[in-house]
Amino acid sequence: MWRAFLFCLFPLPALACETALILTIDVSNSIDVAEYRIQTDGLADALADPDVIETLVQGESALTVVQWSGTDKQEVSLDWRQMRTSLDVEAFATEVRMMPRAFVLSDTAPAEAILFSLDHFRTAPACERRVIDVSGDGTPNSGGETRTARNLAERAGVTINAIAIESMGLAITNFYRGAVITRNGFVVTARTHRDYPRAIRTKLIRELSQVLG
C-alpha cells in the first residue's frame, strides 16, 4: 500500500528522447532515377538492420526525412516519428522505401537544405541532441554560403554529419569536411551510389552510438 502511495507522490519521469535526427536526401539533377532508388532502398535497409533498430528504440530517437535540391526545393517527405518500438522503426522504413521523389531537374543548394532543416526542428519532439544528416553527390551550384548555414547550426547546438557520394577521388568528401559538417560532426564516404547502403548503415550506428556509448 505505502509503495503505491509513494508512486502517486513521485511519478516515474517520462523517458527522454536521445536524438532528433533529420535524414536529408539529395534529389538534385545529378541524381538519376536508379540512384534515387538506391538511396531510399539503402536507407530503408539500414533502418531494418537489427543493430540500428535496437539503438533507435533504446534511445527512443525521433526521425524525419527531408528531400532537397535547389534554392527553393526542400520538402518534409516523412514528418517526425519517435521510435519507441521495433514496429515503429519497421513502419518508418517501409514508408521510406515507398517514398516518391520530390523534385527533378533542379540545382544543388546544400545551404538551403541546412537552413530548412534547422527550422524543421521547431516541430521536433523534445530530445537531448539534434542532428542533421546531409547526403549528397555534388558541391553547390546555387543558393547561399554553406559555411554560413553550418555556423548557424553550430550556434544553435545542432550537429551536422554527412554522407559524401563520390564518383572518383574525394572532392565531395573534402567539401563536406570543410564546409558542411560541424566541428563535432563527421563524414562517411560512399564510393559511388551503390556503396550508399553500407555508408548509411555505418553512419547511423556511429552517430547514435555516440549518444548511447
Protein backbone atom coordinates (compact mmCIF):
# COMPACT_ATOMS: atom_id res chain seq x y z
CA MET A 1 0.00 0.00 0.00
CA TRP A 2 2.68 2.50 1.02
CA ARG A 3 4.63 1.77 -2.15
CA ALA A 4 1.61 2.63 -4.27
CA PHE A 5 1.26 5.85 -2.27
CA LEU A 6 4.88 6.77 -2.94
CA PHE A 7 4.43 6.16 -6.65
CA CYS A 8 1.50 8.56 -6.62
CA LEU A 9 3.62 11.22 -4.93
CA PHE A 10 6.65 10.66 -7.13
CA PRO A 11 5.53 9.52 -10.60
CA LEU A 12 8.21 7.98 -12.76
CA PRO A 13 9.66 10.51 -15.23
CA ALA A 14 8.92 10.04 -18.91
CA LEU A 15 11.77 8.51 -20.86
CA ALA A 16 13.68 11.19 -22.77
CA CYS A 17 14.27 11.12 -26.49
CA GLU A 18 18.01 10.83 -27.05
CA THR A 19 18.29 12.16 -30.61
CA ALA A 20 16.12 14.10 -33.05
CA LEU A 21 17.60 13.14 -36.44
CA ILE A 22 16.80 14.78 -39.77
CA LEU A 23 17.75 12.49 -42.66
CA THR A 24 18.19 14.67 -45.75
CA ILE A 25 18.40 13.20 -49.25
CA ASP A 26 19.87 14.99 -52.27
CA VAL A 27 17.48 14.76 -55.24
CA SER A 28 19.18 17.35 -57.45
CA ASN A 29 19.73 16.96 -61.19
CA SER A 30 22.84 14.82 -60.69
CA ILE A 31 20.73 12.05 -59.12
CA ASP A 32 19.05 9.83 -61.70
CA VAL A 33 16.06 7.54 -61.14
CA ALA A 34 18.15 4.49 -60.26
CA GLU A 35 20.39 6.48 -57.88
CA TYR A 36 17.36 7.89 -56.08
CA ARG A 37 16.05 4.37 -55.59
CA ILE A 38 19.45 3.21 -54.29
CA GLN A 39 19.30 5.99 -51.68
CA THR A 40 15.77 5.25 -50.48
CA ASP A 41 16.19 1.47 -50.53
CA GLY A 42 19.58 1.82 -48.83
CA LEU A 43 18.11 3.97 -46.07
CA ALA A 44 15.18 1.59 -45.62
CA ASP A 45 17.52 -1.41 -45.43
CA ALA A 46 19.71 0.39 -42.87
CA LEU A 47 16.69 1.17 -40.71
CA ALA A 48 15.69 -2.50 -40.86
CA ASP A 49 19.10 -3.60 -39.57
CA PRO A 50 18.75 -5.19 -36.09
CA ASP A 51 21.58 -3.11 -34.61
CA VAL A 52 20.07 0.12 -35.90
CA ILE A 53 16.60 -0.84 -34.65
CA GLU A 54 17.94 -1.68 -31.19
CA THR A 55 19.85 1.61 -30.94
CA LEU A 56 16.94 3.74 -32.13
CA VAL A 57 14.45 2.10 -29.77
CA GLN A 58 16.83 2.18 -26.82
CA GLY A 59 17.16 5.94 -27.22
CA GLU A 60 13.53 6.49 -28.31
CA SER A 61 15.03 8.60 -31.08
CA ALA A 62 12.90 10.70 -33.42
CA LEU A 63 13.32 10.56 -37.21
CA THR A 64 12.17 12.66 -40.14
CA VAL A 65 13.13 12.66 -43.85
CA VAL A 66 13.75 15.81 -45.92
CA GLN A 67 14.37 15.80 -49.68
CA TRP A 68 16.30 18.76 -51.09
CA SER A 69 17.81 20.11 -54.27
CA GLY A 70 17.72 23.75 -55.45
CA THR A 71 17.32 27.03 -53.58
CA ASP A 72 13.53 26.78 -53.17
CA LYS A 73 13.32 22.98 -53.35
CA GLN A 74 13.05 21.39 -49.91
CA GLU A 75 10.28 19.08 -48.69
CA VAL A 76 9.45 17.22 -45.50
CA SER A 77 8.71 13.84 -47.05
CA LEU A 78 8.19 11.97 -43.75
CA ASP A 79 7.43 14.03 -40.67
CA TRP A 80 8.74 13.47 -37.16
CA ARG A 81 8.19 10.00 -35.77
CA GLN A 82 9.51 8.74 -32.45
CA MET A 83 10.94 5.21 -32.47
CA ARG A 84 9.59 3.62 -29.28
CA THR A 85 9.30 0.04 -30.56
CA SER A 86 10.79 -2.08 -33.33
CA LEU A 87 7.43 -1.87 -35.10
CA ASP A 88 7.78 1.92 -35.23
CA VAL A 89 11.16 1.58 -36.96
CA GLU A 90 9.92 -1.08 -39.36
CA ALA A 91 6.90 1.02 -40.33
CA PHE A 92 9.08 4.07 -40.91
CA ALA A 93 11.48 2.03 -43.05
CA THR A 94 8.58 0.81 -45.18
CA GLU A 95 7.42 4.39 -45.78
CA VAL A 96 10.96 5.41 -46.74
CA ARG A 97 11.09 2.62 -49.33
CA MET A 98 7.80 3.76 -50.92
CA MET A 99 8.58 7.49 -50.73
CA PRO A 100 8.11 9.29 -54.07
CA ARG A 101 10.80 11.61 -55.35
CA ALA A 102 10.05 15.23 -54.50
CA PHE A 103 11.97 17.13 -57.20
CA VAL A 104 13.60 16.57 -60.60
CA LEU A 105 15.82 18.69 -62.84
CA SER A 106 16.92 21.07 -60.09
CA ASP A 107 20.14 22.62 -58.79
CA THR A 108 22.21 21.73 -55.71
CA ALA A 109 21.81 24.08 -52.73
CA PRO A 110 23.00 22.43 -49.50
CA ALA A 111 22.96 25.70 -47.54
CA GLU A 112 19.22 25.99 -48.02
CA ALA A 113 18.80 22.32 -47.07
CA ILE A 114 20.58 23.04 -43.77
CA LEU A 115 18.54 26.20 -43.09
CA PHE A 116 15.29 24.37 -43.89
CA SER A 117 16.28 21.54 -41.55
CA LEU A 118 17.14 23.94 -38.73
CA ASP A 119 13.68 25.46 -39.00
CA HIS A 120 12.12 21.97 -39.04
CA PHE A 121 13.45 21.33 -35.52
CA ARG A 122 10.74 23.73 -34.27
CA THR A 123 8.24 20.87 -34.50
CA ALA A 124 10.55 18.11 -33.24
CA PRO A 125 9.96 16.15 -30.02
CA ALA A 126 12.00 17.29 -27.02
CA CYS A 127 15.29 15.41 -27.42
CA GLU A 128 18.72 15.67 -25.85
CA ARG A 129 20.52 16.02 -29.21
CA ARG A 130 19.58 17.46 -32.58
CA VAL A 131 21.36 16.10 -35.65
CA ILE A 132 21.12 16.83 -39.38
CA ASP A 133 22.41 14.28 -41.90
CA VAL A 134 23.33 15.81 -45.25
CA SER A 135 23.59 13.23 -48.01
CA GLY A 136 24.70 14.23 -51.50
CA ASP A 137 26.94 13.72 -54.52
CA GLY A 138 27.84 17.27 -55.52
CA THR A 139 29.10 20.68 -54.48
CA PRO A 140 26.79 23.74 -54.58
CA ASN A 141 25.79 25.34 -57.86
CA SER A 142 23.09 27.58 -56.37
CA GLY A 143 21.96 29.04 -53.08
CA GLY A 144 23.75 30.65 -50.18
CA GLU A 145 27.05 30.11 -48.45
CA THR A 146 27.17 26.63 -46.95
CA ARG A 147 29.66 27.60 -44.22
CA THR A 148 27.30 30.32 -43.00
CA ALA A 149 24.46 27.80 -42.65
CA ARG A 150 26.82 25.36 -40.91
CA ASN A 151 27.90 28.06 -38.45
CA LEU A 152 24.26 28.83 -37.63
CA ALA A 153 23.75 25.16 -36.82
CA GLU A 154 26.77 25.16 -34.51
CA ARG A 155 25.49 28.23 -32.65
CA ALA A 156 22.11 26.51 -32.24
CA GLY A 157 23.78 23.40 -30.76
CA VAL A 158 22.89 21.24 -33.77
CA THR A 159 25.30 18.60 -35.09
CA ILE A 160 25.68 18.09 -38.85
CA ASN A 161 27.02 14.78 -40.17
CA ALA A 162 27.25 13.82 -43.83
CA ILE A 163 27.47 11.09 -46.43
CA ALA A 164 29.58 12.12 -49.41
CA ILE A 165 28.72 10.08 -52.51
CA GLU A 166 31.81 10.03 -54.72
CA SER A 167 32.26 9.05 -58.35
CA MET A 168 36.05 9.42 -58.22
CA GLY A 169 38.50 10.83 -55.72
CA LEU A 170 37.43 12.64 -52.54
CA ALA A 171 36.22 16.01 -53.82
CA ILE A 172 32.78 15.77 -52.23
CA THR A 173 34.17 14.32 -49.00
CA ASN A 174 36.64 17.20 -48.67
CA PHE A 175 33.95 19.78 -49.39
CA TYR A 176 31.67 18.29 -46.74
CA ARG A 177 34.53 18.20 -44.22
CA GLY A 178 35.44 21.82 -44.83
CA ALA A 179 32.08 23.48 -45.37
CA VAL A 180 29.16 21.29 -44.23
CA ILE A 181 29.76 19.28 -41.07
CA THR A 182 30.00 20.90 -37.66
CA ARG A 183 33.11 20.61 -35.51
CA ASN A 184 31.54 17.68 -33.64
CA GLY A 185 30.32 16.05 -36.86
CA PHE A 186 31.82 13.52 -39.27
CA VAL A 187 31.68 12.42 -42.91
CA VAL A 188 31.20 8.89 -44.22
CA THR A 189 32.32 8.39 -47.82
CA ALA A 190 30.26 6.24 -50.19
CA ARG A 191 32.31 5.03 -53.16
CA THR A 192 29.60 5.56 -55.81
CA HIS A 193 25.87 5.40 -55.20
CA ARG A 194 25.97 1.61 -54.93
CA ASP A 195 28.06 1.96 -51.77
CA TYR A 196 25.41 4.20 -50.20
CA PRO A 197 23.53 1.40 -48.35
CA ARG A 198 26.71 0.42 -46.47
CA ALA A 199 27.57 4.06 -45.79
CA ILE A 200 24.16 4.98 -44.35
CA ARG A 201 24.16 1.96 -42.02
CA THR A 202 27.68 2.80 -40.84
CA LYS A 203 26.72 6.42 -40.26
CA LEU A 204 23.52 5.65 -38.35
CA ILE A 205 25.25 3.26 -35.97
CA ARG A 206 28.17 5.63 -35.42
CA GLU A 207 26.14 8.75 -34.71
CA LEU A 208 23.57 7.05 -32.49
CA SER A 209 26.24 5.12 -30.61
CA GLN A 210 27.94 8.44 -29.79
CA VAL A 211 24.98 9.10 -27.53
CA LEU A 212 24.42 5.67 -26.05
CA GLY A 213 28.07 4.63 -25.76
